[in-house]
Amino acid sequence: MHLLVGLGNPGPRHAGNRHNIGFMAVDEIVRRHSFGPWRARFQGQAAEGRIGRHKVLALKPETYMNESGQAVGAALRFYKLDPAAVTVLYDEIDLRPGKIKAKLDGGNAGHNGLRSIDAHIGKNYWRVRLGIGHPGDKDLVHAHVLSNFAKAESAWLVPLLDAVAEEMPGLLDGDDSGFMSRVAHRTAPPKPKPEPKPEGDPAPPPDKPEGGGDGL
């Protein structure tokens, strides 16, 4: 059993927030891999299914971000899982929009959801950081993460969520570098097509004026 956790805040008011990209990613994973229905469990919404050879419980805590560890800890104890069987997907302001990083263990970088999870299960779990970009001023961070994605951002957000869902089997197999590489490949902007070469022979150079030289 593997526990796949998306972080966010519950309720329709927060559904489109940048802070909720973890919820969005888990929703797409559940849809892509045809999980069972969402049910109220472990102070959150949970759905069961399979990803590749792994049995997975997807979990969206409904405790609000700052208390996410309560739901994660409850599910971990119920299934008697090791923290390394947990993968948490969450927003990261220090990554450019559309970029990802995946690793086992690490710090929380001030993220309240991770801070809560660390307190309940320790730090030895997988983290998938989903880049949402920094507003450029630390005083604007709170408003930035709690504001909705702009419509134009769907150009990178939708491909990112698709790629993470499609490549998740590799991460659950422990291939974090391959997972990141394949997601990056899927989300890279298309290379511009080379300009077509003109057909036929090139035009001859213009004749020099008679008298030789340059006319001086």
C-alpha atoms as a PDB file:
ATOM      1  CA  MET A   1       0.000   0.000   0.000  1.00  0.00           C
ATOM      2  CA  HIS A   2       1.189   3.478  -0.888  1.00  0.00           C
ATOM      3  CA  LEU A   3      -0.338   6.687   0.502  1.00  0.00           C
ATOM      4  CA  LEU A   4      -0.555   9.511  -2.041  1.00  0.00           C
ATOM      5  CA  VAL A   5      -1.381  12.859  -0.421  1.00  0.00           C
ATOM      6  CA  GLY A   6      -2.349  16.097  -2.119  1.00  0.00           C
ATOM      7  CA  LEU A   7      -2.192  19.268  -0.043  1.00  0.00           C
ATOM      8  CA  GLY A   8      -4.682  22.106  -0.205  1.00  0.00           C
ATOM      9  CA  ASN A   9      -7.528  23.795   1.607  1.00  0.00           C
ATOM     10  CA  PRO A  10     -11.086  22.395   1.486  1.00  0.00           C
ATOM     11  CA  GLY A  11     -14.149  24.066   0.038  1.00  0.00           C
ATOM     12  CA  PRO A  12     -15.105  25.712  -3.254  1.00  0.00           C
ATOM     13  CA  ARG A  13     -13.638  29.089  -2.206  1.00  0.00           C
ATOM     14  CA  HIS A  14     -10.134  27.602  -2.346  1.00  0.00           C
ATOM     15  CA  ALA A  15     -10.587  25.138  -5.209  1.00  0.00           C
ATOM     16  CA  GLY A  16      -8.724  27.226  -7.810  1.00  0.00           C
ATOM     17  CA  ASN A  17      -5.995  28.564  -5.501  1.00  0.00           C
ATOM     18  CA  ARG A  18      -2.324  28.059  -6.305  1.00  0.00           C
ATOM     19  CA  HIS A  19      -2.012  26.613  -2.782  1.00  0.00           C
ATOM     20  CA  ASN A  20      -4.357  23.816  -3.930  1.00  0.00           C
ATOM     21  CA  ILE A  21      -2.246  22.469  -6.777  1.00  0.00           C
ATOM     22  CA  GLY A  22      -1.615  19.353  -4.672  1.00  0.00           C
ATOM     23  CA  PHE A  23      -5.367  18.653  -4.584  1.00  0.00           C
ATOM     24  CA  MET A  24      -5.523  19.242  -8.350  1.00  0.00           C
ATOM     25  CA  ALA A  25      -2.683  16.806  -9.014  1.00  0.00           C
ATOM     26  CA  VAL A  26      -4.221  14.045  -6.909  1.00  0.00           C
ATOM     27  CA  ASP A  27      -7.625  14.607  -8.550  1.00  0.00           C
ATOM     28  CA  GLU A  28      -6.019  14.086 -11.962  1.00  0.00           C
ATOM     29  CA  ILE A  29      -4.140  10.981 -10.777  1.00  0.00           C
ATOM     30  CA  VAL A  30      -7.371   9.465  -9.423  1.00  0.00           C
ATOM     31  CA  ARG A  31      -9.175  10.239 -12.682  1.00  0.00           C
ATOM     32  CA  ARG A  32      -6.363   9.013 -14.945  1.00  0.00           C
ATOM     33  CA  HIS A  33      -5.906   5.702 -13.124  1.00  0.00           C
ATOM     34  CA  SER A  34      -9.651   5.017 -12.629  1.00  0.00           C
ATOM     35  CA  PHE A  35      -9.688   4.918  -8.828  1.00  0.00           C
ATOM     36  CA  GLY A  36     -12.837   4.220  -6.864  1.00  0.00           C
ATOM     37  CA  PRO A  37     -15.061   7.065  -5.622  1.00  0.00           C
ATOM     38  CA  TRP A  38     -13.980   9.620  -3.065  1.00  0.00           C
ATOM     39  CA  ARG A  39     -15.178   8.855   0.462  1.00  0.00           C
ATOM     40  CA  ALA A  40     -14.887  10.708   3.769  1.00  0.00           C
ATOM     41  CA  ARG A  41     -12.042   9.048   5.729  1.00  0.00           C
ATOM     42  CA  PHE A  42      -9.131  10.079   7.943  1.00  0.00           C
ATOM     43  CA  GLN A  43     -10.342  13.683   8.335  1.00  0.00           C
ATOM     44  CA  GLY A  44     -10.300  14.061   4.579  1.00  0.00           C
ATOM     45  CA  GLN A  45     -11.431  12.617   1.259  1.00  0.00           C
ATOM     46  CA  ALA A  46      -9.890   9.291   0.236  1.00  0.00           C
ATOM     47  CA  ALA A  47     -10.051   7.118  -2.884  1.00  0.00           C
ATOM     48  CA  GLU A  48      -8.521   3.692  -3.524  1.00  0.00           C
ATOM     49  CA  GLY A  49      -7.028   2.305  -6.697  1.00  0.00           C
ATOM     50  CA  ARG A  50      -3.948   0.922  -8.413  1.00  0.00           C
ATOM     51  CA  ILE A  51      -1.079   2.693 -10.135  1.00  0.00           C
ATOM     52  CA  GLY A  52       1.058   0.219 -12.035  1.00  0.00           C
ATOM     53  CA  ARG A  53       1.822  -2.632  -9.649  1.00  0.00           C
ATOM     54  CA  HIS A  54       1.038  -0.539  -6.536  1.00  0.00           C
ATOM     55  CA  LYS A  55      -2.110  -0.441  -4.452  1.00  0.00           C
ATOM     56  CA  VAL A  56      -2.666   3.208  -3.567  1.00  0.00           C
ATOM     57  CA  LEU A  57      -4.809   5.264  -1.236  1.00  0.00           C
ATOM     58  CA  ALA A  58      -5.174   8.861  -2.451  1.00  0.00           C
ATOM     59  CA  LEU A  59      -5.905  11.357   0.320  1.00  0.00           C
ATOM     60  CA  LYS A  60      -6.926  15.026   0.378  1.00  0.00           C
ATOM     61  CA  PRO A  61      -6.895  16.267   4.003  1.00  0.00           C
ATOM     62  CA  GLU A  62      -9.840  18.493   4.927  1.00  0.00           C
ATOM     63  CA  THR A  63      -8.217  19.843   8.082  1.00  0.00           C
ATOM     64  CA  TYR A  64      -6.928  22.958   6.294  1.00  0.00           C
ATOM     65  CA  MET A  65      -3.302  23.190   5.297  1.00  0.00           C
ATOM     66  CA  ASN A  66      -1.850  23.918   8.728  1.00  0.00           C
ATOM     67  CA  GLU A  67      -3.185  20.658  10.200  1.00  0.00           C
ATOM     68  CA  SER A  68      -2.582  18.327   7.230  1.00  0.00           C
ATOM     69  CA  GLY A  69      -0.485  15.997   9.374  1.00  0.00           C
ATOM     70  CA  GLN A  70      -3.513  14.906  11.394  1.00  0.00           C
ATOM     71  CA  ALA A  71      -5.097  13.211   8.376  1.00  0.00           C
ATOM     72  CA  VAL A  72      -1.811  11.802   7.073  1.00  0.00           C
ATOM     73  CA  GLY A  73      -0.870  10.422  10.485  1.00  0.00           C
ATOM     74  CA  ALA A  74      -4.295   8.798  10.931  1.00  0.00           C
ATOM     75  CA  ALA A  75      -4.079   7.005   7.569  1.00  0.00           C
ATOM     76  CA  LEU A  76      -0.477   5.949   8.172  1.00  0.00           C
ATOM     77  CA  ARG A  77      -1.305   4.377  11.543  1.00  0.00           C
ATOM     78  CA  PHE A  78      -4.432   2.654  10.220  1.00  0.00           C
ATOM     79  CA  TYR A  79      -2.521   0.879   7.457  1.00  0.00           C
ATOM     80  CA  LYS A  80       0.649   0.460   9.566  1.00  0.00           C
ATOM     81  CA  LEU A  81       2.756   2.059   6.842  1.00  0.00           C
ATOM     82  CA  ASP A  82       6.314   3.287   6.965  1.00  0.00           C
ATOM     83  CA  PRO A  83       6.644   7.032   6.233  1.00  0.00           C
ATOM     84  CA  ALA A  84       8.652   6.163   3.100  1.00  0.00           C
ATOM     85  CA  ALA A  85       5.392   4.752   1.670  1.00  0.00           C
ATOM     86  CA  VAL A  86       3.942   8.284   1.670  1.00  0.00           C
ATOM     87  CA  THR A  87       4.192  10.703  -1.264  1.00  0.00           C
ATOM     88  CA  VAL A  88       3.044  14.292  -0.729  1.00  0.00           C
ATOM     89  CA  LEU A  89       2.301  16.642  -3.658  1.00  0.00           C
ATOM     90  CA  TYR A  90       2.274  20.361  -2.875  1.00  0.00           C
ATOM     91  CA  ASP A  91       2.875  23.893  -4.159  1.00  0.00           C
ATOM     92  CA  GLU A  92       6.396  25.339  -4.261  1.00  0.00           C
ATOM     93  CA  ILE A  93       6.946  29.072  -4.747  1.00  0.00           C
ATOM     94  CA  ASP A  94      10.702  28.658  -5.189  1.00  0.00           C
ATOM     95  CA  LEU A  95      10.254  26.698  -8.426  1.00  0.00           C
ATOM     96  CA  ARG A  96       9.284  28.305 -11.715  1.00  0.00           C
ATOM     97  CA  PRO A  97       5.701  27.600 -12.810  1.00  0.00           C
ATOM     98  CA  GLY A  98       5.417  24.124 -14.303  1.00  0.00           C
ATOM     99  CA  LYS A  99       8.700  22.798 -12.874  1.00  0.00           C
ATOM    100  CA  ILE A 100       8.840  19.878 -10.445  1.00  0.00           C
ATOM    101  CA  LYS A 101      11.249  18.307  -7.978  1.00  0.00           C
ATOM    102  CA  ALA A 102      10.845  14.924  -6.272  1.00  0.00           C
ATOM    103  CA  LYS A 103      12.913  13.595  -3.390  1.00  0.00           C
ATOM    104  CA  LEU A 104      12.772  11.448  -0.269  1.00  0.00           C
ATOM    105  CA  ASP A 105      13.179  13.339   3.022  1.00  0.00           C
ATOM    106  CA  GLY A 106      14.128  17.006   3.333  1.00  0.00           C
ATOM    107  CA  GLY A 107      13.077  20.236   4.995  1.00  0.00           C
ATOM    108  CA  ASN A 108       9.738  22.025   4.887  1.00  0.00           C
ATOM    109  CA  ALA A 109      11.032  25.429   3.601  1.00  0.00           C
ATOM    110  CA  GLY A 110       8.360  27.160   5.671  1.00  0.00           C
ATOM    111  CA  HIS A 111       5.446  25.253   4.075  1.00  0.00           C
ATOM    112  CA  ASN A 112       2.806  24.861   6.785  1.00  0.00           C
ATOM    113  CA  GLY A 113       1.398  21.639   5.357  1.00  0.00           C
ATOM    114  CA  LEU A 114       4.795  19.949   5.416  1.00  0.00           C
ATOM    115  CA  ARG A 115       5.555  21.329   8.864  1.00  0.00           C
ATOM    116  CA  SER A 116       2.394  19.657  10.166  1.00  0.00           C
ATOM    117  CA  ILE A 117       3.163  16.347   8.424  1.00  0.00           C
ATOM    118  CA  ASP A 118       6.733  16.380   9.792  1.00  0.00           C
ATOM    119  CA  ALA A 119       5.326  16.752  13.308  1.00  0.00           C
ATOM    120  CA  HIS A 120       3.026  13.730  12.901  1.00  0.00           C
ATOM    121  CA  ILE A 121       5.087  11.200  10.907  1.00  0.00           C
ATOM    122  CA  GLY A 122       8.658  12.533  10.740  1.00  0.00           C
ATOM    123  CA  LYS A 123      10.506  13.652   7.615  1.00  0.00           C
ATOM    124  CA  ASN A 124      11.265  10.389   5.801  1.00  0.00           C
ATOM    125  CA  TYR A 125       8.515  10.626   3.169  1.00  0.00           C
ATOM    126  CA  TRP A 126       8.513  11.470  -0.544  1.00  0.00           C
ATOM    127  CA  ARG A 127       7.877  15.055  -1.595  1.00  0.00           C
ATOM    128  CA  VAL A 128       6.786  16.205  -5.049  1.00  0.00           C
ATOM    129  CA  ARG A 129       7.227  19.969  -5.301  1.00  0.00           C
ATOM    130  CA  LEU A 130       5.010  21.535  -7.968  1.00  0.00           C
ATOM    131  CA  GLY A 131       6.305  24.948  -9.020  1.00  0.00           C
ATOM    132  CA  ILE A 132       3.883  27.865  -8.925  1.00  0.00           C
ATOM    133  CA  GLY A 133       6.455  30.678  -9.067  1.00  0.00           C
ATOM    134  CA  HIS A 134       7.308  33.480  -6.638  1.00  0.00           C
ATOM    135  CA  PRO A 135       5.518  36.859  -6.763  1.00  0.00           C
ATOM    136  CA  GLY A 136       8.864  38.643  -6.412  1.00  0.00           C
ATOM    137  CA  ASP A 137       8.257  40.138  -2.977  1.00  0.00           C
ATOM    138  CA  LYS A 138       8.011  38.105   0.232  1.00  0.00           C
ATOM    139  CA  ASP A 139       5.207  40.380   1.447  1.00  0.00           C
ATOM    140  CA  LEU A 140       3.092  39.236  -1.503  1.00  0.00           C
ATOM    141  CA  VAL A 141       3.559  35.486  -0.978  1.00  0.00           C
ATOM    142  CA  HIS A 142       0.451  34.946   1.177  1.00  0.00           C
ATOM    143  CA  ALA A 143      -1.847  36.645  -1.330  1.00  0.00           C
ATOM    144  CA  HIS A 144      -0.098  34.896  -4.225  1.00  0.00           C
ATOM    145  CA  VAL A 145      -0.600  31.343  -2.986  1.00  0.00           C
ATOM    146  CA  LEU A 146      -4.202  31.982  -1.912  1.00  0.00           C
ATOM    147  CA  SER A 147      -5.208  33.545  -5.231  1.00  0.00           C
ATOM    148  CA  ASN A 148      -6.571  31.561  -8.151  1.00  0.00           C
ATOM    149  CA  PHE A 149      -4.536  30.506 -11.150  1.00  0.00           C
ATOM    150  CA  ALA A 150      -5.077  32.908 -14.037  1.00  0.00           C
ATOM    151  CA  LYS A 151      -6.712  31.507 -17.174  1.00  0.00           C
ATOM    152  CA  ALA A 152      -3.478  31.989 -19.107  1.00  0.00           C
ATOM    153  CA  GLU A 153      -1.663  29.716 -16.646  1.00  0.00           C
ATOM    154  CA  SER A 154      -3.652  26.727 -17.869  1.00  0.00           C
ATOM    155  CA  ALA A 155      -1.140  26.610 -20.742  1.00  0.00           C
ATOM    156  CA  TRP A 156       1.427  25.104 -18.362  1.00  0.00           C
ATOM    157  CA  LEU A 157      -0.807  23.870 -15.514  1.00  0.00           C
ATOM    158  CA  VAL A 158      -2.881  21.369 -17.507  1.00  0.00           C
ATOM    159  CA  PRO A 159       0.139  19.705 -19.191  1.00  0.00           C
ATOM    160  CA  LEU A 160       1.901  19.517 -15.811  1.00  0.00           C
ATOM    161  CA  LEU A 161      -1.009  17.775 -14.099  1.00  0.00           C
ATOM    162  CA  ASP A 162      -1.382  15.396 -17.057  1.00  0.00           C
ATOM    163  CA  ALA A 163       2.316  14.518 -17.016  1.00  0.00           C
ATOM    164  CA  VAL A 164       2.488  13.955 -13.262  1.00  0.00           C
ATOM    165  CA  ALA A 165      -0.507  11.606 -13.422  1.00  0.00           C
ATOM    166  CA  GLU A 166       0.838   9.722 -16.434  1.00  0.00           C
ATOM    167  CA  GLU A 167       4.351   9.263 -15.023  1.00  0.00           C
ATOM    168  CA  MET A 168       3.388   8.505 -11.406  1.00  0.00           C
ATOM    169  CA  PRO A 169       4.014   4.721 -11.777  1.00  0.00           C
ATOM    170  CA  GLY A 170       7.719   5.439 -12.209  1.00  0.00           C
ATOM    171  CA  LEU A 171       7.927   7.492  -9.024  1.00  0.00           C
ATOM    172  CA  LEU A 172       6.124   4.821  -7.009  1.00  0.00           C
ATOM    173  CA  ASP A 173       8.693   2.354  -8.346  1.00  0.00           C
ATOM    174  CA  GLY A 174      11.383   4.554  -6.772  1.00  0.00           C
ATOM    175  CA  ASP A 175      12.706   6.071 -10.006  1.00  0.00           C
ATOM    176  CA  ASP A 176      12.569   9.713  -8.943  1.00  0.00           C
ATOM    177  CA  SER A 177      15.141  10.958 -11.473  1.00  0.00           C
ATOM    178  CA  GLY A 178      13.368   9.183 -14.342  1.00  0.00           C
ATOM    179  CA  PHE A 179      10.026  10.538 -13.154  1.00  0.00           C
ATOM    180  CA  MET A 180      11.314  14.123 -13.152  1.00  0.00           C
ATOM    181  CA  SER A 181      12.984  13.697 -16.531  1.00  0.00           C
ATOM    182  CA  ARG A 182       9.876  12.273 -18.195  1.00  0.00           C
ATOM    183  CA  VAL A 183       7.604  14.951 -16.735  1.00  0.00           C
ATOM    184  CA  ALA A 184      10.019  17.650 -17.920  1.00  0.00           C
ATOM    185  CA  HIS A 185      10.051  16.111 -21.403  1.00  0.00           C
ATOM    186  CA  ARG A 186       6.258  16.008 -21.568  1.00  0.00           C
ATOM    187  CA  THR A 187       5.876  19.605 -20.418  1.00  0.00           C
ATOM    188  CA  ALA A 188       8.707  21.171 -22.439  1.00  0.00           C
ATOM    189  CA  PRO A 189       7.460  23.734 -24.957  1.00  0.00           C
ATOM    190  CA  PRO A 190       7.671  22.484 -28.548  1.00  0.00           C
ATOM    191  CA  LYS A 191      10.817  23.423 -30.416  1.00  0.00           C
ATOM    192  CA  PRO A 192      10.280  25.947 -33.227  1.00  0.00           C
ATOM    193  CA  LYS A 193      10.251  24.406 -36.662  1.00  0.00           C
ATOM    194  CA  PRO A 194      13.210  25.363 -38.881  1.00  0.00           C
ATOM    195  CA  GLU A 195      12.515  27.821 -41.662  1.00  0.00           C
ATOM    196  CA  PRO A 196      12.022  26.002 -44.997  1.00  0.00           C
ATOM    197  CA  LYS A 197      14.832  26.433 -47.482  1.00  0.00           C
ATOM    198  CA  PRO A 198      13.885  28.335 -50.671  1.00  0.00           C
ATOM    199  CA  GLU A 199      13.366  26.134 -53.678  1.00  0.00           C
ATOM    200  CA  GLY A 200      15.565  26.395 -56.788  1.00  0.00           C
ATOM    201  CA  ASP A 201      19.035  27.837 -57.297  1.00  0.00           C
ATOM    202  CA  PRO A 202      20.040  30.971 -55.429  1.00  0.00           C
ATOM    203  CA  ALA A 203      19.891  34.196 -57.424  1.00  0.00           C
ATOM    204  CA  PRO A 204      23.251  35.213 -59.005  1.00  0.00           C
ATOM    205  CA  PRO A 205      25.059  38.163 -57.432  1.00  0.00           C
ATOM    206  CA  PRO A 206      24.488  41.576 -59.128  1.00  0.00           C
ATOM    207  CA  ASP A 207      26.917  42.555 -61.900  1.00  0.00           C
ATOM    208  CA  LYS A 208      29.710  44.944 -61.016  1.00  0.00           C
ATOM    209  CA  PRO A 209      29.729  48.276 -62.873  1.00  0.00           C
ATOM    210  CA  GLU A 210      31.869  48.390 -65.991  1.00  0.00           C
ATOM    211  CA  GLY A 211      35.291  49.947 -65.796  1.00  0.00           C
ATOM    212  CA  GLY A 212      36.338  47.725 -62.984  1.00  0.00           C
ATOM    213  CA  GLY A 213      36.550  48.475 -59.379  1.00  0.00           C
ATOM    214  CA  ASP A 214      34.138  50.486 -57.408  1.00  0.00           C
ATOM    215  CA  GLY A 215      33.760  53.563 -59.660  1.00  0.00           C
ATOM    216  CA  LEU A 216      36.010  55.898 -57.683  1.00  0.00           C
END
